[in-house]
Amino acid sequence: MVSKDADDLLVFVTGGATFLEVLERLSARSAPTALTPLAVLRILQEELGISFVESRSILEYFDSQMRPIVDVNLINERGGVILRQCRS
């Protein structure tokens, strides 16, 4: 059985959300606990069906607290490639 959070996330992503918008939603959902890189990978795999192999490269664009360390347009462009896997 798929959780309501997973259903909501899939609808959000298939509706065209950017990668950073997805991270904002995941961060709000995990509060008050901080969203970690490993948690992002786990959620992408478990809830959106995107493998660690495909998604782990996006982590190089963030520090350990998941704050962007490169241009946000680059993150959304690369993240969009990853998210399209569950949109198709």
N, C-alpha and C. Protein backbone atom coordinates (compact mmCIF):
# COMPACT_ATOMS: atom_id res chain seq x y z
N MET A 1 0.83 -1.18 0.00
CA MET A 1 0.00 0.00 0.00
C MET A 1 0.88 1.26 0.00
N VAL A 2 0.57 2.19 -0.86
CA VAL A 2 1.33 3.43 -0.99
C VAL A 2 0.78 4.45 -0.01
N SER A 3 1.68 5.17 0.66
CA SER A 3 1.25 6.15 1.65
C SER A 3 0.67 7.40 0.98
N LYS A 4 -0.08 8.16 1.74
CA LYS A 4 -0.63 9.41 1.24
C LYS A 4 0.49 10.38 0.88
N ASP A 5 1.56 10.40 1.69
CA ASP A 5 2.71 11.26 1.38
C ASP A 5 3.30 10.90 0.02
N ALA A 6 3.44 9.59 -0.25
CA ALA A 6 4.01 9.15 -1.53
C ALA A 6 3.09 9.53 -2.68
N ASP A 7 1.78 9.34 -2.50
CA ASP A 7 0.81 9.73 -3.54
C ASP A 7 0.88 11.23 -3.81
N ASP A 8 0.89 12.02 -2.74
CA ASP A 8 0.95 13.47 -2.88
C ASP A 8 2.23 13.91 -3.59
N LEU A 9 3.35 13.27 -3.25
CA LEU A 9 4.62 13.62 -3.87
C LEU A 9 4.60 13.29 -5.36
N LEU A 10 4.08 12.15 -5.71
CA LEU A 10 4.01 11.75 -7.11
C LEU A 10 3.15 12.72 -7.91
N VAL A 11 2.02 13.13 -7.37
CA VAL A 11 1.16 14.11 -8.04
C VAL A 11 1.90 15.43 -8.20
N PHE A 12 2.61 15.84 -7.18
CA PHE A 12 3.37 17.09 -7.21
C PHE A 12 4.44 17.04 -8.31
N VAL A 13 5.16 15.93 -8.37
CA VAL A 13 6.23 15.78 -9.36
C VAL A 13 5.66 15.68 -10.77
N THR A 14 4.64 14.87 -10.96
CA THR A 14 4.06 14.72 -12.29
C THR A 14 3.38 16.01 -12.75
N GLY A 15 3.05 16.88 -11.82
CA GLY A 15 2.47 18.17 -12.15
C GLY A 15 3.50 19.18 -12.61
N GLY A 16 4.79 18.81 -12.58
CA GLY A 16 5.81 19.69 -13.10
C GLY A 16 6.66 20.40 -12.08
N ALA A 17 6.64 19.97 -10.84
CA ALA A 17 7.45 20.62 -9.80
C ALA A 17 8.94 20.53 -10.15
N THR A 18 9.67 21.57 -9.80
CA THR A 18 11.12 21.55 -9.98
C THR A 18 11.76 20.71 -8.88
N PHE A 19 13.02 20.38 -9.07
CA PHE A 19 13.72 19.59 -8.06
C PHE A 19 13.78 20.33 -6.73
N LEU A 20 14.05 21.62 -6.78
CA LEU A 20 14.14 22.38 -5.52
C LEU A 20 12.78 22.50 -4.85
N GLU A 21 11.71 22.58 -5.62
CA GLU A 21 10.36 22.57 -5.02
C GLU A 21 10.09 21.24 -4.34
N VAL A 22 10.53 20.17 -4.95
CA VAL A 22 10.38 18.84 -4.33
C VAL A 22 11.16 18.80 -3.02
N LEU A 23 12.39 19.30 -3.03
CA LEU A 23 13.18 19.32 -1.79
C LEU A 23 12.52 20.15 -0.71
N GLU A 24 11.94 21.28 -1.08
CA GLU A 24 11.24 22.11 -0.10
C GLU A 24 10.09 21.33 0.53
N ARG A 25 9.34 20.62 -0.30
CA ARG A 25 8.22 19.83 0.21
C ARG A 25 8.72 18.73 1.12
N LEU A 26 9.78 18.05 0.73
CA LEU A 26 10.33 16.98 1.56
C LEU A 26 10.87 17.52 2.87
N SER A 27 11.48 18.68 2.82
CA SER A 27 12.02 19.31 4.03
C SER A 27 10.89 19.67 4.99
N ALA A 28 9.82 20.23 4.47
CA ALA A 28 8.67 20.58 5.32
C ALA A 28 8.04 19.32 5.92
N ARG A 29 8.00 18.28 5.12
CA ARG A 29 7.40 17.02 5.57
C ARG A 29 8.23 16.36 6.66
N SER A 30 9.55 16.52 6.62
CA SER A 30 10.41 15.86 7.61
C SER A 30 10.60 16.67 8.88
N ALA A 31 10.16 17.93 8.86
CA ALA A 31 10.34 18.82 10.02
C ALA A 31 9.70 18.20 11.26
N PRO A 32 10.28 18.36 12.42
CA PRO A 32 11.42 19.21 12.76
C PRO A 32 12.78 18.55 12.49
N THR A 33 12.80 17.31 12.02
CA THR A 33 14.06 16.66 11.69
C THR A 33 14.60 17.22 10.38
N ALA A 34 15.88 17.46 10.32
CA ALA A 34 16.49 17.97 9.09
C ALA A 34 16.48 16.91 8.00
N LEU A 35 16.29 17.36 6.79
CA LEU A 35 16.33 16.47 5.63
C LEU A 35 17.79 16.19 5.30
N THR A 36 18.17 14.92 5.27
CA THR A 36 19.55 14.54 4.99
C THR A 36 19.69 14.04 3.56
N PRO A 37 20.91 14.03 3.04
CA PRO A 37 21.11 13.50 1.70
C PRO A 37 20.62 12.06 1.55
N LEU A 38 20.88 11.23 2.55
CA LEU A 38 20.44 9.84 2.48
C LEU A 38 18.92 9.75 2.47
N ALA A 39 18.25 10.59 3.24
CA ALA A 39 16.79 10.60 3.26
C ALA A 39 16.24 10.98 1.89
N VAL A 40 16.88 11.93 1.22
CA VAL A 40 16.43 12.33 -0.12
C VAL A 40 16.53 11.13 -1.07
N LEU A 41 17.66 10.46 -1.06
CA LEU A 41 17.83 9.29 -1.93
C LEU A 41 16.79 8.21 -1.62
N ARG A 42 16.56 7.97 -0.35
CA ARG A 42 15.59 6.95 0.06
C ARG A 42 14.20 7.30 -0.43
N ILE A 43 13.78 8.55 -0.25
CA ILE A 43 12.45 8.97 -0.66
C ILE A 43 12.29 8.90 -2.17
N LEU A 44 13.31 9.35 -2.90
CA LEU A 44 13.24 9.28 -4.35
C LEU A 44 13.07 7.84 -4.82
N GLN A 45 13.77 6.92 -4.16
CA GLN A 45 13.66 5.51 -4.55
C GLN A 45 12.33 4.90 -4.11
N GLU A 46 12.00 5.05 -2.83
CA GLU A 46 10.81 4.38 -2.30
C GLU A 46 9.50 4.99 -2.79
N GLU A 47 9.46 6.30 -2.94
CA GLU A 47 8.19 6.94 -3.27
C GLU A 47 8.03 7.28 -4.75
N LEU A 48 9.15 7.45 -5.45
CA LEU A 48 9.06 7.83 -6.86
C LEU A 48 9.65 6.78 -7.80
N GLY A 49 10.29 5.76 -7.23
CA GLY A 49 10.84 4.69 -8.05
C GLY A 49 12.11 5.08 -8.80
N ILE A 50 12.82 6.08 -8.31
CA ILE A 50 14.06 6.52 -8.95
C ILE A 50 15.23 5.90 -8.18
N SER A 51 16.06 5.16 -8.88
CA SER A 51 17.13 4.41 -8.21
C SER A 51 18.21 5.33 -7.65
N PHE A 52 18.91 4.80 -6.63
CA PHE A 52 20.05 5.52 -6.05
C PHE A 52 21.08 5.83 -7.14
N VAL A 53 21.29 4.89 -8.03
CA VAL A 53 22.28 5.06 -9.09
C VAL A 53 21.96 6.29 -9.93
N GLU A 54 20.68 6.49 -10.23
CA GLU A 54 20.27 7.62 -11.05
C GLU A 54 20.28 8.94 -10.28
N SER A 55 19.96 8.90 -9.01
CA SER A 55 19.75 10.14 -8.27
C SER A 55 20.93 10.62 -7.44
N ARG A 56 21.87 9.77 -7.16
CA ARG A 56 22.94 10.16 -6.22
C ARG A 56 23.81 11.29 -6.74
N SER A 57 23.95 11.43 -8.06
CA SER A 57 24.82 12.47 -8.60
C SER A 57 24.32 13.88 -8.26
N ILE A 58 23.02 14.04 -8.04
CA ILE A 58 22.48 15.36 -7.72
C ILE A 58 23.01 15.86 -6.37
N LEU A 59 23.41 14.95 -5.51
CA LEU A 59 23.87 15.35 -4.18
C LEU A 59 25.14 16.18 -4.22
N GLU A 60 25.92 16.08 -5.30
CA GLU A 60 27.15 16.87 -5.39
C GLU A 60 26.86 18.36 -5.49
N TYR A 61 25.61 18.73 -5.73
CA TYR A 61 25.22 20.13 -5.84
C TYR A 61 24.76 20.74 -4.52
N PHE A 62 24.88 19.96 -3.43
CA PHE A 62 24.42 20.39 -2.11
C PHE A 62 25.48 20.13 -1.06
N ASP A 63 25.42 20.92 0.03
CA ASP A 63 26.28 20.61 1.17
C ASP A 63 25.59 19.53 2.02
N SER A 64 26.17 19.19 3.13
CA SER A 64 25.63 18.09 3.95
C SER A 64 24.29 18.42 4.60
N GLN A 65 23.92 19.69 4.63
CA GLN A 65 22.61 20.09 5.15
C GLN A 65 21.59 20.32 4.03
N MET A 66 21.95 19.85 2.82
CA MET A 66 21.09 19.96 1.64
C MET A 66 20.85 21.41 1.22
N ARG A 67 21.84 22.27 1.46
CA ARG A 67 21.80 23.65 0.96
C ARG A 67 22.53 23.69 -0.37
N PRO A 68 21.96 24.34 -1.38
CA PRO A 68 22.60 24.40 -2.70
C PRO A 68 23.98 25.07 -2.63
N ILE A 69 24.94 24.48 -3.35
CA ILE A 69 26.27 25.08 -3.43
C ILE A 69 26.61 25.44 -4.88
N VAL A 70 25.67 25.25 -5.79
CA VAL A 70 25.82 25.66 -7.19
C VAL A 70 24.57 26.43 -7.58
N ASP A 71 24.57 26.96 -8.78
CA ASP A 71 23.44 27.73 -9.28
C ASP A 71 22.15 26.89 -9.25
N VAL A 72 21.08 27.49 -8.76
CA VAL A 72 19.82 26.76 -8.62
C VAL A 72 19.26 26.32 -9.99
N ASN A 73 19.57 27.06 -11.04
CA ASN A 73 19.11 26.65 -12.37
C ASN A 73 19.76 25.34 -12.79
N LEU A 74 21.02 25.16 -12.46
CA LEU A 74 21.71 23.90 -12.75
C LEU A 74 21.07 22.76 -11.97
N ILE A 75 20.76 23.00 -10.71
CA ILE A 75 20.12 21.97 -9.89
C ILE A 75 18.76 21.59 -10.48
N ASN A 76 17.97 22.57 -10.83
CA ASN A 76 16.65 22.26 -11.38
C ASN A 76 16.74 21.59 -12.75
N GLU A 77 17.74 21.96 -13.54
CA GLU A 77 17.93 21.32 -14.84
C GLU A 77 18.30 19.86 -14.67
N ARG A 78 19.33 19.60 -13.86
CA ARG A 78 19.77 18.21 -13.62
C ARG A 78 18.71 17.43 -12.85
N GLY A 79 18.10 18.08 -11.87
CA GLY A 79 17.04 17.42 -11.12
C GLY A 79 15.84 17.10 -11.99
N GLY A 80 15.56 17.97 -12.97
CA GLY A 80 14.47 17.71 -13.89
C GLY A 80 14.66 16.45 -14.70
N VAL A 81 15.90 16.20 -15.09
CA VAL A 81 16.23 14.97 -15.82
C VAL A 81 15.90 13.76 -14.95
N ILE A 82 16.25 13.84 -13.69
CA ILE A 82 15.98 12.74 -12.76
C ILE A 82 14.48 12.58 -12.53
N LEU A 83 13.78 13.67 -12.30
CA LEU A 83 12.35 13.59 -12.01
C LEU A 83 11.52 13.16 -13.22
N ARG A 84 12.03 13.41 -14.42
CA ARG A 84 11.28 12.97 -15.61
C ARG A 84 11.10 11.47 -15.67
N GLN A 85 11.95 10.74 -14.98
CA GLN A 85 11.83 9.28 -14.95
C GLN A 85 10.48 8.84 -14.38
N CYS A 86 9.98 9.60 -13.43
CA CYS A 86 8.68 9.19 -12.84
C CYS A 86 7.53 9.93 -13.48
N ARG A 87 7.81 10.89 -14.36
CA ARG A 87 6.75 11.61 -15.06
C ARG A 87 6.33 10.87 -16.33
N SER A 88 7.19 10.01 -16.83
CA SER A 88 6.87 9.36 -18.10
C SER A 88 6.13 8.05 -17.91
